[in-house]
N, C-alpha and C. Protein backbone atom coordinates (compact mmCIF):
# COMPACT_ATOMS: atom_id res chain seq x y z
N UNK A 1 51.93 124.25 82.58
CA UNK A 1 51.66 123.91 83.96
C UNK A 1 51.01 125.10 84.64
N UNK A 2 49.85 124.89 85.28
CA UNK A 2 49.17 126.01 85.91
C UNK A 2 49.75 126.27 87.30
N UNK A 3 49.35 127.39 87.88
CA UNK A 3 49.94 127.83 89.13
C UNK A 3 49.58 126.93 90.30
N UNK A 4 48.55 126.07 90.13
CA UNK A 4 48.13 125.20 91.22
C UNK A 4 48.90 123.89 91.24
N UNK A 5 49.66 123.59 90.21
CA UNK A 5 50.41 122.35 90.16
C UNK A 5 51.60 122.44 91.13
N UNK A 6 51.73 121.49 92.06
CA UNK A 6 52.87 121.54 92.98
C UNK A 6 54.19 121.42 92.22
N UNK A 7 55.19 122.14 92.66
CA UNK A 7 56.50 122.10 92.02
C UNK A 7 57.31 120.92 92.54
N UNK A 8 58.18 120.42 91.68
CA UNK A 8 58.99 119.25 91.99
C UNK A 8 59.84 119.46 93.24
N UNK A 9 59.78 118.49 94.14
CA UNK A 9 60.63 118.46 95.32
C UNK A 9 61.44 117.17 95.31
N UNK A 10 62.57 117.18 96.02
CA UNK A 10 63.42 115.99 96.02
C UNK A 10 64.00 115.73 97.39
N UNK A 11 64.37 114.48 97.61
CA UNK A 11 65.07 114.04 98.81
C UNK A 11 66.45 113.55 98.41
N UNK A 12 67.42 113.78 99.29
CA UNK A 12 68.78 113.33 99.03
C UNK A 12 69.34 112.78 100.33
N UNK A 13 69.48 111.46 100.39
CA UNK A 13 69.96 110.81 101.60
C UNK A 13 71.43 110.45 101.52
N UNK A 14 72.03 110.27 102.68
CA UNK A 14 73.42 109.87 102.71
C UNK A 14 73.97 109.84 104.12
N UNK A 15 75.17 109.32 104.23
CA UNK A 15 75.84 109.30 105.52
C UNK A 15 76.39 110.68 105.86
N UNK A 16 76.88 111.39 104.83
CA UNK A 16 77.42 112.75 105.00
C UNK A 16 78.47 112.79 106.11
N UNK A 17 79.51 111.98 105.92
CA UNK A 17 80.57 111.80 106.94
C UNK A 17 81.94 112.17 106.38
N UNK A 18 82.18 113.44 105.98
CA UNK A 18 81.32 114.62 106.10
C UNK A 18 80.64 114.97 104.77
N UNK A 19 79.69 115.90 104.82
CA UNK A 19 79.12 116.46 103.60
C UNK A 19 80.19 117.30 102.91
N UNK A 20 80.18 117.31 101.56
CA UNK A 20 81.25 118.00 100.81
C UNK A 20 80.71 118.48 99.47
N UNK A 21 81.59 119.14 98.69
CA UNK A 21 81.16 119.71 97.41
C UNK A 21 80.72 118.63 96.42
N UNK A 22 81.23 117.43 96.55
CA UNK A 22 80.78 116.35 95.67
C UNK A 22 79.33 115.97 95.89
N UNK A 23 78.80 116.28 97.07
CA UNK A 23 77.36 116.13 97.32
C UNK A 23 76.59 117.34 96.80
N UNK A 24 77.08 118.53 97.12
CA UNK A 24 76.28 119.74 96.95
C UNK A 24 76.26 120.26 95.51
N UNK A 25 77.40 120.33 94.86
CA UNK A 25 77.46 120.96 93.54
C UNK A 25 76.68 120.19 92.47
N UNK A 26 76.75 118.86 92.39
CA UNK A 26 75.91 118.16 91.41
C UNK A 26 74.42 118.36 91.66
N UNK A 27 74.02 118.43 92.94
CA UNK A 27 72.60 118.62 93.24
C UNK A 27 72.15 120.03 92.85
N UNK A 28 73.00 121.02 93.05
CA UNK A 28 72.65 122.38 92.61
C UNK A 28 72.51 122.43 91.09
N UNK A 29 73.40 121.73 90.37
CA UNK A 29 73.29 121.66 88.91
C UNK A 29 72.02 120.91 88.51
N UNK A 30 71.72 119.84 89.21
CA UNK A 30 70.50 119.07 88.95
C UNK A 30 69.26 119.93 89.13
N UNK A 31 69.25 120.76 90.15
CA UNK A 31 68.10 121.65 90.39
C UNK A 31 67.90 122.61 89.22
N UNK A 32 69.00 123.12 88.69
CA UNK A 32 68.90 124.04 87.56
C UNK A 32 68.36 123.33 86.31
N UNK A 33 68.74 122.08 86.13
CA UNK A 33 68.32 121.31 84.94
C UNK A 33 66.84 120.94 85.02
N UNK A 34 66.39 120.53 86.20
CA UNK A 34 65.06 119.93 86.34
C UNK A 34 64.00 120.88 86.90
N UNK A 35 64.41 122.08 87.34
CA UNK A 35 63.46 122.98 87.95
C UNK A 35 63.13 122.64 89.39
N UNK A 36 63.99 121.90 90.04
CA UNK A 36 63.77 121.56 91.45
C UNK A 36 63.68 122.83 92.29
N UNK A 37 62.70 122.88 93.16
CA UNK A 37 62.53 124.03 94.04
C UNK A 37 63.01 123.77 95.45
N UNK A 38 63.06 122.48 95.83
CA UNK A 38 63.44 122.14 97.20
C UNK A 38 64.11 120.77 97.22
N UNK A 39 65.24 120.69 97.92
CA UNK A 39 65.92 119.42 98.13
C UNK A 39 66.07 119.22 99.64
N UNK A 40 65.50 118.14 100.14
CA UNK A 40 65.57 117.81 101.56
C UNK A 40 66.71 116.83 101.79
N UNK A 41 67.69 117.23 102.58
CA UNK A 41 68.81 116.36 102.89
C UNK A 41 68.45 115.48 104.08
N UNK A 42 68.75 114.18 103.95
CA UNK A 42 68.36 113.19 104.94
C UNK A 42 69.60 112.42 105.42
N UNK A 43 70.35 112.97 106.37
CA UNK A 43 71.46 112.18 106.91
C UNK A 43 70.93 110.96 107.64
N UNK A 44 71.56 109.80 107.41
CA UNK A 44 71.04 108.58 108.05
C UNK A 44 71.84 108.21 109.29
N UNK A 45 71.19 107.42 110.14
CA UNK A 45 71.79 107.03 111.41
C UNK A 45 72.48 105.68 111.30
N UNK A 46 71.76 104.69 110.79
CA UNK A 46 72.31 103.34 110.66
C UNK A 46 72.30 102.97 109.18
N UNK A 47 73.37 103.29 108.42
CA UNK A 47 73.35 102.99 106.99
C UNK A 47 73.35 101.48 106.76
N UNK A 48 72.41 100.95 105.96
CA UNK A 48 72.29 99.51 105.81
C UNK A 48 73.36 98.87 104.95
N UNK A 49 74.09 99.64 104.13
CA UNK A 49 75.00 99.04 103.16
C UNK A 49 76.47 99.35 103.43
N UNK A 50 76.79 99.92 104.58
CA UNK A 50 78.17 100.32 104.80
C UNK A 50 78.48 100.34 106.31
N UNK A 51 79.77 100.37 106.67
CA UNK A 51 80.12 100.44 108.10
C UNK A 51 79.63 101.75 108.73
N UNK A 52 79.66 101.76 110.04
CA UNK A 52 79.18 102.93 110.78
C UNK A 52 80.07 104.15 110.53
N UNK A 53 79.48 105.34 110.49
CA UNK A 53 80.26 106.57 110.28
C UNK A 53 81.22 106.83 111.44
N UNK A 54 82.25 107.62 111.16
CA UNK A 54 83.18 108.04 112.21
C UNK A 54 82.57 109.15 113.07
N UNK A 55 82.01 110.17 112.43
CA UNK A 55 81.39 111.27 113.17
C UNK A 55 80.07 110.81 113.77
N UNK A 56 79.71 111.37 114.90
CA UNK A 56 78.45 111.02 115.55
C UNK A 56 77.27 111.54 114.74
N UNK A 57 76.06 111.02 114.98
CA UNK A 57 74.89 111.57 114.30
C UNK A 57 74.75 113.08 114.51
N UNK A 58 74.96 113.55 115.73
CA UNK A 58 74.83 114.99 115.99
C UNK A 58 75.87 115.79 115.23
N UNK A 59 77.09 115.29 115.13
CA UNK A 59 78.14 115.99 114.39
C UNK A 59 77.83 116.01 112.90
N UNK A 60 77.34 114.92 112.36
CA UNK A 60 77.02 114.88 110.93
C UNK A 60 75.85 115.79 110.61
N UNK A 61 74.84 115.81 111.49
CA UNK A 61 73.70 116.71 111.30
C UNK A 61 74.16 118.16 111.34
N UNK A 62 75.05 118.49 112.25
CA UNK A 62 75.54 119.86 112.36
C UNK A 62 76.32 120.25 111.11
N UNK A 63 77.12 119.33 110.56
CA UNK A 63 77.88 119.64 109.35
C UNK A 63 76.96 119.90 108.17
N UNK A 64 75.87 119.13 108.06
CA UNK A 64 74.90 119.39 107.00
C UNK A 64 74.26 120.76 107.20
N UNK A 65 73.88 121.05 108.44
CA UNK A 65 73.27 122.35 108.74
C UNK A 65 74.19 123.51 108.35
N UNK A 66 75.47 123.37 108.67
CA UNK A 66 76.44 124.41 108.33
C UNK A 66 76.63 124.52 106.82
N UNK A 67 76.63 123.38 106.13
CA UNK A 67 76.88 123.37 104.68
C UNK A 67 75.79 124.06 103.89
N UNK A 68 74.54 123.99 104.37
CA UNK A 68 73.42 124.51 103.59
C UNK A 68 72.91 125.86 104.13
N UNK A 69 73.52 126.37 105.17
CA UNK A 69 73.08 127.65 105.75
C UNK A 69 73.08 128.75 104.69
N UNK A 70 71.96 129.44 104.55
CA UNK A 70 71.86 130.53 103.59
C UNK A 70 71.53 130.11 102.18
N UNK A 71 71.38 128.80 101.93
CA UNK A 71 71.04 128.31 100.59
C UNK A 71 69.58 127.87 100.59
N UNK A 72 68.68 128.63 99.97
CA UNK A 72 67.25 128.32 100.06
C UNK A 72 66.83 127.04 99.35
N UNK A 73 67.72 126.48 98.52
CA UNK A 73 67.38 125.23 97.83
C UNK A 73 67.25 124.08 98.82
N UNK A 74 68.06 124.10 99.87
CA UNK A 74 68.20 122.94 100.74
C UNK A 74 67.46 123.10 102.06
N UNK A 75 66.89 121.98 102.53
CA UNK A 75 66.37 121.88 103.90
C UNK A 75 66.93 120.61 104.52
N UNK A 76 66.84 120.51 105.82
CA UNK A 76 67.39 119.38 106.56
C UNK A 76 66.26 118.64 107.27
N UNK A 77 66.26 117.32 107.14
CA UNK A 77 65.26 116.46 107.78
C UNK A 77 66.01 115.38 108.56
N UNK A 78 65.77 115.31 109.86
CA UNK A 78 66.53 114.40 110.73
C UNK A 78 65.77 113.13 111.08
N UNK A 79 64.72 112.80 110.35
CA UNK A 79 63.90 111.64 110.72
C UNK A 79 64.72 110.35 110.72
N UNK A 80 65.64 110.20 109.75
CA UNK A 80 66.42 108.96 109.72
C UNK A 80 67.44 108.92 110.86
N UNK A 81 67.88 110.07 111.33
CA UNK A 81 68.78 110.14 112.48
C UNK A 81 68.09 109.61 113.75
N UNK A 82 66.78 109.75 113.80
CA UNK A 82 66.04 109.37 115.00
C UNK A 82 65.76 107.87 115.06
N UNK A 83 66.03 107.17 113.97
CA UNK A 83 65.78 105.73 113.95
C UNK A 83 66.98 104.97 114.51
N UNK A 84 66.68 103.90 115.25
CA UNK A 84 67.75 103.02 115.72
C UNK A 84 67.91 101.82 114.79
N UNK A 85 66.99 101.70 113.84
CA UNK A 85 67.03 100.61 112.86
C UNK A 85 67.66 101.13 111.56
N UNK A 86 68.07 100.23 110.65
CA UNK A 86 68.65 100.68 109.38
C UNK A 86 67.74 101.64 108.62
N UNK A 87 68.38 102.60 107.95
CA UNK A 87 67.64 103.65 107.22
C UNK A 87 67.32 103.16 105.81
N UNK A 88 66.21 102.48 105.66
CA UNK A 88 65.80 102.01 104.34
C UNK A 88 65.06 103.13 103.61
N UNK A 89 65.52 103.43 102.42
CA UNK A 89 64.97 104.54 101.65
C UNK A 89 63.48 104.38 101.42
N UNK A 90 63.04 103.17 101.12
CA UNK A 90 61.63 102.98 100.78
C UNK A 90 60.73 103.33 101.96
N UNK A 91 61.17 103.07 103.19
CA UNK A 91 60.36 103.39 104.36
C UNK A 91 60.27 104.90 104.55
N UNK A 92 61.39 105.59 104.33
CA UNK A 92 61.36 107.06 104.42
C UNK A 92 60.45 107.65 103.36
N UNK A 93 60.53 107.12 102.16
CA UNK A 93 59.70 107.62 101.07
C UNK A 93 58.21 107.39 101.34
N UNK A 94 57.87 106.28 101.95
CA UNK A 94 56.46 106.05 102.30
C UNK A 94 55.98 107.14 103.26
N UNK A 95 56.80 107.45 104.25
CA UNK A 95 56.43 108.48 105.22
C UNK A 95 56.27 109.85 104.55
N UNK A 96 57.26 110.21 103.73
CA UNK A 96 57.24 111.53 103.10
C UNK A 96 56.08 111.64 102.12
N UNK A 97 55.83 110.59 101.38
CA UNK A 97 54.71 110.61 100.44
C UNK A 97 53.39 110.81 101.19
N UNK A 98 53.23 110.14 102.31
CA UNK A 98 52.00 110.30 103.10
C UNK A 98 51.86 111.73 103.61
N UNK A 99 52.98 112.36 103.95
CA UNK A 99 52.95 113.72 104.48
C UNK A 99 52.67 114.76 103.38
N UNK A 100 53.26 114.56 102.22
CA UNK A 100 53.19 115.59 101.18
C UNK A 100 52.05 115.38 100.19
N UNK A 101 51.41 114.23 100.26
CA UNK A 101 50.23 114.01 99.43
C UNK A 101 50.55 113.28 98.13
N UNK A 102 49.52 112.68 97.57
CA UNK A 102 49.68 111.84 96.38
C UNK A 102 49.98 112.64 95.12
N UNK A 103 49.63 113.93 95.09
CA UNK A 103 49.80 114.73 93.88
C UNK A 103 51.15 115.44 93.80
N UNK A 104 51.89 115.48 94.89
CA UNK A 104 53.15 116.20 94.92
C UNK A 104 54.22 115.49 94.07
N UNK A 105 54.74 116.14 93.01
CA UNK A 105 55.87 115.54 92.29
C UNK A 105 57.08 115.43 93.24
N UNK A 106 57.53 114.20 93.44
CA UNK A 106 58.56 113.93 94.43
C UNK A 106 59.65 113.06 93.81
N UNK A 107 60.89 113.39 94.08
CA UNK A 107 62.01 112.64 93.52
C UNK A 107 63.00 112.27 94.62
N UNK A 108 63.78 111.23 94.34
CA UNK A 108 64.88 110.85 95.21
C UNK A 108 66.15 110.90 94.38
N UNK A 109 67.17 111.58 94.91
CA UNK A 109 68.42 111.78 94.18
C UNK A 109 69.43 110.71 94.55
N UNK A 110 70.01 110.07 93.53
CA UNK A 110 71.05 109.08 93.75
C UNK A 110 72.17 109.32 92.76
N UNK A 111 73.30 108.68 92.96
CA UNK A 111 74.39 108.71 92.00
C UNK A 111 74.33 107.51 91.07
N UNK A 112 75.08 107.59 89.98
CA UNK A 112 75.13 106.48 89.03
C UNK A 112 75.58 105.19 89.71
N UNK A 113 76.45 105.29 90.70
CA UNK A 113 76.91 104.11 91.43
C UNK A 113 75.76 103.42 92.15
N UNK A 114 74.81 104.20 92.68
CA UNK A 114 73.65 103.62 93.35
C UNK A 114 72.65 103.05 92.36
N UNK A 115 72.51 103.69 91.20
CA UNK A 115 71.57 103.19 90.20
C UNK A 115 71.92 101.77 89.78
N UNK A 116 73.20 101.50 89.54
CA UNK A 116 73.57 100.18 89.01
C UNK A 116 73.48 99.08 90.07
N UNK A 117 73.33 99.46 91.34
CA UNK A 117 73.12 98.46 92.39
C UNK A 117 71.75 98.60 93.04
N UNK A 118 70.86 99.32 92.39
CA UNK A 118 69.55 99.60 92.97
C UNK A 118 68.77 98.32 93.27
N UNK A 119 68.98 97.30 92.46
CA UNK A 119 68.24 96.05 92.64
C UNK A 119 68.61 95.33 93.95
N UNK A 120 69.64 95.81 94.65
CA UNK A 120 70.02 95.24 95.94
C UNK A 120 69.40 95.99 97.12
N UNK A 121 68.68 97.09 96.80
CA UNK A 121 68.05 97.88 97.86
C UNK A 121 66.80 97.18 98.39
N UNK A 122 66.44 97.49 99.61
CA UNK A 122 65.26 96.95 100.26
C UNK A 122 64.00 97.38 99.50
N UNK A 123 63.22 96.40 99.01
CA UNK A 123 61.97 96.66 98.29
C UNK A 123 62.17 97.69 97.15
N UNK A 124 63.23 97.49 96.38
CA UNK A 124 63.61 98.50 95.38
C UNK A 124 62.55 98.74 94.32
N UNK A 125 61.76 97.71 94.00
CA UNK A 125 60.79 97.88 92.93
C UNK A 125 59.59 98.74 93.35
N UNK A 126 59.49 99.05 94.63
CA UNK A 126 58.43 99.94 95.10
C UNK A 126 58.81 101.41 94.94
N UNK A 127 60.10 101.68 94.76
CA UNK A 127 60.57 103.06 94.79
C UNK A 127 59.85 103.94 93.78
N UNK A 128 59.68 103.46 92.55
CA UNK A 128 59.08 104.30 91.52
C UNK A 128 57.57 104.47 91.67
N UNK A 129 56.97 103.73 92.59
CA UNK A 129 55.56 104.01 92.91
C UNK A 129 55.45 105.19 93.86
N UNK A 130 56.58 105.55 94.48
CA UNK A 130 56.59 106.62 95.48
C UNK A 130 57.25 107.90 95.00
N UNK A 131 58.15 107.79 94.01
CA UNK A 131 58.93 108.95 93.60
C UNK A 131 59.50 108.74 92.20
N UNK A 132 60.07 109.80 91.67
CA UNK A 132 60.99 109.70 90.53
C UNK A 132 62.39 109.44 91.08
N UNK A 133 63.27 108.93 90.23
CA UNK A 133 64.68 108.83 90.57
C UNK A 133 65.47 109.79 89.69
N UNK A 134 66.22 110.68 90.32
CA UNK A 134 67.10 111.60 89.61
C UNK A 134 68.52 111.13 89.82
N UNK A 135 69.20 110.82 88.73
CA UNK A 135 70.51 110.17 88.82
C UNK A 135 71.61 111.14 88.40
N UNK A 136 72.53 111.40 89.32
CA UNK A 136 73.69 112.24 89.01
C UNK A 136 74.84 111.38 88.51
N UNK A 137 75.59 111.90 87.57
CA UNK A 137 76.75 111.18 87.07
C UNK A 137 77.80 111.03 88.17
N UNK A 138 78.51 109.90 88.14
CA UNK A 138 79.63 109.70 89.05
C UNK A 138 80.82 109.20 88.24
N UNK A 139 82.02 109.73 88.51
CA UNK A 139 83.20 109.31 87.73
C UNK A 139 83.49 107.82 87.91
N UNK A 140 83.78 107.17 86.80
CA UNK A 140 84.29 105.81 86.86
C UNK A 140 83.26 104.71 86.95
N UNK A 141 81.97 105.02 86.81
CA UNK A 141 80.95 103.99 86.92
C UNK A 141 80.30 103.73 85.56
N UNK A 142 79.92 102.47 85.29
CA UNK A 142 79.31 102.15 84.00
C UNK A 142 77.97 102.84 83.83
N UNK A 143 77.59 103.05 82.57
CA UNK A 143 76.33 103.74 82.28
C UNK A 143 75.20 102.76 82.00
N UNK A 144 75.50 101.46 81.97
CA UNK A 144 74.47 100.45 81.75
C UNK A 144 74.29 99.60 83.00
N UNK A 145 73.10 99.05 83.14
CA UNK A 145 72.78 98.19 84.27
C UNK A 145 73.49 96.85 84.13
N UNK A 146 73.49 96.07 85.21
CA UNK A 146 74.30 94.85 85.26
C UNK A 146 73.80 93.74 84.35
N UNK A 147 72.49 93.66 84.14
CA UNK A 147 71.91 92.57 83.34
C UNK A 147 70.95 93.14 82.30
N UNK A 148 70.68 92.39 81.23
CA UNK A 148 69.69 92.85 80.24
C UNK A 148 68.32 93.11 80.85
N UNK A 149 67.94 92.30 81.83
CA UNK A 149 66.63 92.51 82.48
C UNK A 149 66.58 93.85 83.20
N UNK A 150 67.65 94.18 83.92
CA UNK A 150 67.69 95.46 84.63
C UNK A 150 67.79 96.63 83.65
N UNK A 151 68.50 96.42 82.54
CA UNK A 151 68.58 97.46 81.53
C UNK A 151 67.21 97.74 80.91
N UNK A 152 66.44 96.69 80.69
CA UNK A 152 65.08 96.86 80.16
C UNK A 152 64.21 97.62 81.17
N UNK A 153 64.39 97.31 82.46
CA UNK A 153 63.66 98.04 83.50
C UNK A 153 63.99 99.53 83.40
N UNK A 154 65.26 99.87 83.27
CA UNK A 154 65.66 101.27 83.18
C UNK A 154 65.06 101.93 81.95
N UNK A 155 65.13 101.27 80.81
CA UNK A 155 64.60 101.85 79.58
C UNK A 155 63.09 102.04 79.64
N UNK A 156 62.41 101.19 80.39
CA UNK A 156 60.95 101.30 80.51
C UNK A 156 60.55 102.60 81.23
N UNK A 157 61.34 102.99 82.23
CA UNK A 157 60.97 104.13 83.06
C UNK A 157 61.78 105.39 82.77
N UNK A 158 62.78 105.29 81.92
CA UNK A 158 63.67 106.41 81.65
C UNK A 158 62.94 107.51 80.87
N UNK A 159 63.16 108.75 81.28
CA UNK A 159 62.70 109.89 80.50
C UNK A 159 63.86 110.83 80.23
N UNK A 160 63.87 111.43 79.04
CA UNK A 160 64.91 112.41 78.71
C UNK A 160 64.39 113.84 78.86
N UNK A 161 63.14 113.98 79.26
CA UNK A 161 62.52 115.29 79.34
C UNK A 161 62.26 115.67 80.80
N UNK A 162 63.02 116.60 81.36
CA UNK A 162 62.81 116.96 82.77
C UNK A 162 61.43 117.52 83.04
N UNK A 163 60.77 118.07 82.00
CA UNK A 163 59.42 118.61 82.21
C UNK A 163 58.43 117.52 82.66
N UNK A 164 58.69 116.29 82.24
CA UNK A 164 57.81 115.17 82.61
C UNK A 164 57.79 114.98 84.13
N UNK A 165 58.91 115.28 84.78
CA UNK A 165 59.02 115.09 86.22
C UNK A 165 58.06 116.00 86.98
N UNK A 166 57.71 117.13 86.38
CA UNK A 166 56.78 118.07 87.01
C UNK A 166 55.32 117.66 86.78
N UNK A 167 55.09 116.89 85.71
CA UNK A 167 53.71 116.60 85.31
C UNK A 167 53.13 115.37 86.01
N UNK A 168 53.96 114.53 86.60
CA UNK A 168 53.45 113.36 87.32
C UNK A 168 54.17 113.23 88.65
N UNK A 169 53.53 112.58 89.60
CA UNK A 169 54.03 112.56 90.97
C UNK A 169 55.20 111.63 91.17
N UNK A 170 55.30 110.59 90.34
CA UNK A 170 56.32 109.56 90.54
C UNK A 170 56.43 108.73 89.26
N UNK A 171 57.42 107.82 89.24
CA UNK A 171 57.44 106.80 88.20
C UNK A 171 58.46 106.93 87.10
N UNK A 172 59.33 107.96 87.13
CA UNK A 172 60.29 108.16 86.05
C UNK A 172 61.72 108.12 86.59
N UNK A 173 62.65 107.76 85.71
CA UNK A 173 64.08 107.82 86.01
C UNK A 173 64.71 108.83 85.06
N UNK A 174 65.37 109.82 85.60
CA UNK A 174 66.01 110.86 84.79
C UNK A 174 67.51 110.81 85.03
N UNK A 175 68.27 110.61 83.95
CA UNK A 175 69.73 110.55 84.02
C UNK A 175 70.27 111.94 83.70
N UNK A 176 70.70 112.64 84.71
CA UNK A 176 71.08 114.05 84.56
C UNK A 176 72.55 114.18 84.18
N UNK A 177 72.83 115.13 83.31
CA UNK A 177 74.21 115.42 82.93
C UNK A 177 74.78 116.45 83.90
N UNK A 178 74.98 116.00 85.12
CA UNK A 178 75.54 116.85 86.17
C UNK A 178 77.07 116.80 86.09
N UNK A 179 77.75 117.80 86.66
CA UNK A 179 79.21 117.81 86.60
C UNK A 179 79.82 116.61 87.32
N UNK A 180 80.88 116.08 86.74
CA UNK A 180 81.60 114.96 87.35
C UNK A 180 82.61 115.53 88.35
N UNK A 181 82.29 115.41 89.62
CA UNK A 181 83.15 115.95 90.67
C UNK A 181 83.71 114.78 91.46
N UNK A 182 85.00 114.55 91.32
CA UNK A 182 85.62 113.37 91.89
C UNK A 182 86.10 113.65 93.31
N UNK A 183 85.12 113.74 94.22
CA UNK A 183 85.40 113.94 95.64
C UNK A 183 84.61 112.88 96.40
N UNK A 184 85.22 112.27 97.40
CA UNK A 184 84.49 111.36 98.27
C UNK A 184 84.79 111.69 99.72
N UNK A 185 83.87 111.33 100.60
CA UNK A 185 84.11 111.52 102.02
C UNK A 185 85.29 110.68 102.49
N UNK A 186 85.48 109.52 101.88
CA UNK A 186 86.64 108.69 102.20
C UNK A 186 87.93 109.47 101.98
N UNK A 187 88.02 110.12 100.84
CA UNK A 187 89.20 110.92 100.51
C UNK A 187 89.45 111.99 101.57
N UNK A 188 88.38 112.67 101.99
CA UNK A 188 88.52 113.72 103.00
C UNK A 188 88.98 113.13 104.33
N UNK A 189 88.36 112.03 104.74
CA UNK A 189 88.75 111.41 106.01
C UNK A 189 90.21 110.95 105.97
N UNK A 190 90.60 110.35 104.85
CA UNK A 190 91.98 109.85 104.75
C UNK A 190 92.99 110.99 104.81
N UNK A 191 92.66 112.12 104.21
CA UNK A 191 93.57 113.28 104.31
C UNK A 191 93.72 113.70 105.77
N UNK A 192 92.61 113.76 106.48
CA UNK A 192 92.68 114.15 107.89
C UNK A 192 93.44 113.12 108.72
N UNK A 193 93.23 111.83 108.41
CA UNK A 193 93.97 110.79 109.13
C UNK A 193 95.48 110.99 108.96
N UNK A 194 95.86 111.48 107.78
CA UNK A 194 97.28 111.67 107.47
C UNK A 194 97.79 113.04 107.92
N UNK A 195 96.93 113.83 108.53
CA UNK A 195 97.33 115.14 108.99
C UNK A 195 97.36 116.21 107.91
N UNK A 196 96.71 115.94 106.77
CA UNK A 196 96.69 116.89 105.66
C UNK A 196 95.36 117.64 105.63
N UNK A 197 95.32 118.72 104.88
CA UNK A 197 94.11 119.53 104.76
C UNK A 197 93.23 119.03 103.61
N UNK A 198 91.93 119.15 103.80
CA UNK A 198 90.97 118.86 102.73
C UNK A 198 90.03 120.05 102.55
N UNK A 199 90.49 121.22 102.95
CA UNK A 199 89.62 122.39 103.04
C UNK A 199 88.99 122.76 101.71
N UNK A 200 89.67 122.52 100.59
CA UNK A 200 89.13 122.92 99.30
C UNK A 200 88.01 122.00 98.81
N UNK A 201 87.78 120.89 99.52
CA UNK A 201 86.80 119.90 99.07
C UNK A 201 85.43 120.06 99.73
N UNK A 202 85.31 121.00 100.66
CA UNK A 202 84.06 121.12 101.39
C UNK A 202 83.86 122.56 101.85
N UNK A 203 82.62 122.94 102.19
CA UNK A 203 82.36 124.32 102.58
C UNK A 203 83.23 124.75 103.76
N UNK A 204 83.65 126.02 103.78
CA UNK A 204 84.53 126.50 104.85
C UNK A 204 83.97 126.26 106.25
N UNK A 205 82.67 126.43 106.44
CA UNK A 205 82.08 126.24 107.76
C UNK A 205 82.19 124.78 108.22
N UNK A 206 82.09 123.86 107.27
CA UNK A 206 82.22 122.44 107.59
C UNK A 206 83.67 122.12 107.94
N UNK A 207 84.59 122.66 107.15
CA UNK A 207 86.01 122.45 107.43
C UNK A 207 86.38 122.98 108.82
N UNK A 208 85.87 124.15 109.16
CA UNK A 208 86.16 124.73 110.47
C UNK A 208 85.58 123.88 111.60
N UNK A 209 84.39 123.33 111.37
CA UNK A 209 83.76 122.47 112.38
C UNK A 209 84.58 121.20 112.60
N UNK A 210 85.05 120.59 111.51
CA UNK A 210 85.87 119.38 111.62
C UNK A 210 87.11 119.67 112.47
N UNK A 211 87.73 120.80 112.22
CA UNK A 211 88.91 121.16 113.00
C UNK A 211 88.57 121.41 114.47
N UNK A 212 87.48 122.12 114.71
CA UNK A 212 87.13 122.46 116.09
C UNK A 212 86.72 121.24 116.90
N UNK A 213 86.13 120.23 116.23
CA UNK A 213 85.70 119.01 116.90
C UNK A 213 86.79 117.94 116.94
N UNK A 214 87.88 118.17 116.22
CA UNK A 214 88.94 117.16 116.17
C UNK A 214 88.53 115.89 115.45
N UNK A 215 87.66 116.04 114.44
CA UNK A 215 87.16 114.86 113.73
C UNK A 215 88.20 114.26 112.79
N UNK A 216 88.06 112.96 112.55
CA UNK A 216 88.83 112.22 111.54
C UNK A 216 90.34 112.28 111.79
N UNK A 217 90.73 112.27 113.04
CA UNK A 217 92.16 112.31 113.34
C UNK A 217 92.75 110.94 113.60
N UNK A 218 91.91 109.91 113.70
CA UNK A 218 92.44 108.56 113.88
C UNK A 218 93.19 108.13 112.64
N UNK A 219 94.23 107.35 112.81
CA UNK A 219 95.10 107.00 111.68
C UNK A 219 94.79 105.66 111.05
N UNK A 220 93.73 104.96 111.54
CA UNK A 220 93.49 103.63 110.97
C UNK A 220 92.91 103.75 109.57
N UNK A 221 92.96 102.63 108.87
CA UNK A 221 92.63 102.62 107.43
C UNK A 221 91.13 102.52 107.22
N UNK A 222 90.57 103.43 106.42
CA UNK A 222 89.14 103.39 106.08
C UNK A 222 88.95 103.24 104.59
N UNK A 223 89.85 102.50 103.94
CA UNK A 223 89.79 102.39 102.48
C UNK A 223 88.54 101.71 101.99
N UNK A 224 87.87 100.95 102.86
CA UNK A 224 86.67 100.22 102.41
C UNK A 224 85.42 101.09 102.46
N UNK A 225 85.50 102.27 103.07
CA UNK A 225 84.31 103.13 103.16
C UNK A 225 84.18 103.99 101.92
N UNK A 226 82.92 104.34 101.61
CA UNK A 226 82.69 105.27 100.50
C UNK A 226 81.90 106.44 101.01
N UNK A 227 82.11 107.60 100.40
CA UNK A 227 81.39 108.80 100.85
C UNK A 227 80.09 108.98 100.13
């Protein structure tokens, strides 16, 4: 690869209610595996597949900002926070692709849980025309797609060579052997609802912010939410 070839960049979207080590550590490992130079975190405002977050958009954005402070791998993009409509990944990717150009190798990071339900996403078949998909392992989820047709789709686009991600702008799925970190935002919120600490599960600055803002102190049940 010559010096003029743009280096791989990635986007990582989520509710981040709150952001925690289960988000950050697999992505840092993924960067080391694939040569990622930049990961843009995209907290969303109106998540299309889940109930509304407990923390406000401003609080969630601040927690992401605190979590990545001093880490040059990560940047923060609030475009999805500014939308009043659902945050569809394909629409964000269209915007980012237009901004960064057709030659920029661009990826979107998801977990194994999202990969196996990808066919339920808005205009999901357009995703690989806009980016690569980098898939982090998640504990307890199957490694095969739901149907033979979807499995064939995965095998068609799957690459085992991270170098390929640098050589083309989009179109590949890479299943990364990232660490299995069994932490969810639900778990953190439930601990706080019960009056317990979750400090070891997230960056100290985020934990301190949660305490200072009095977040997640309501005692109602959020078992249906996922982080």
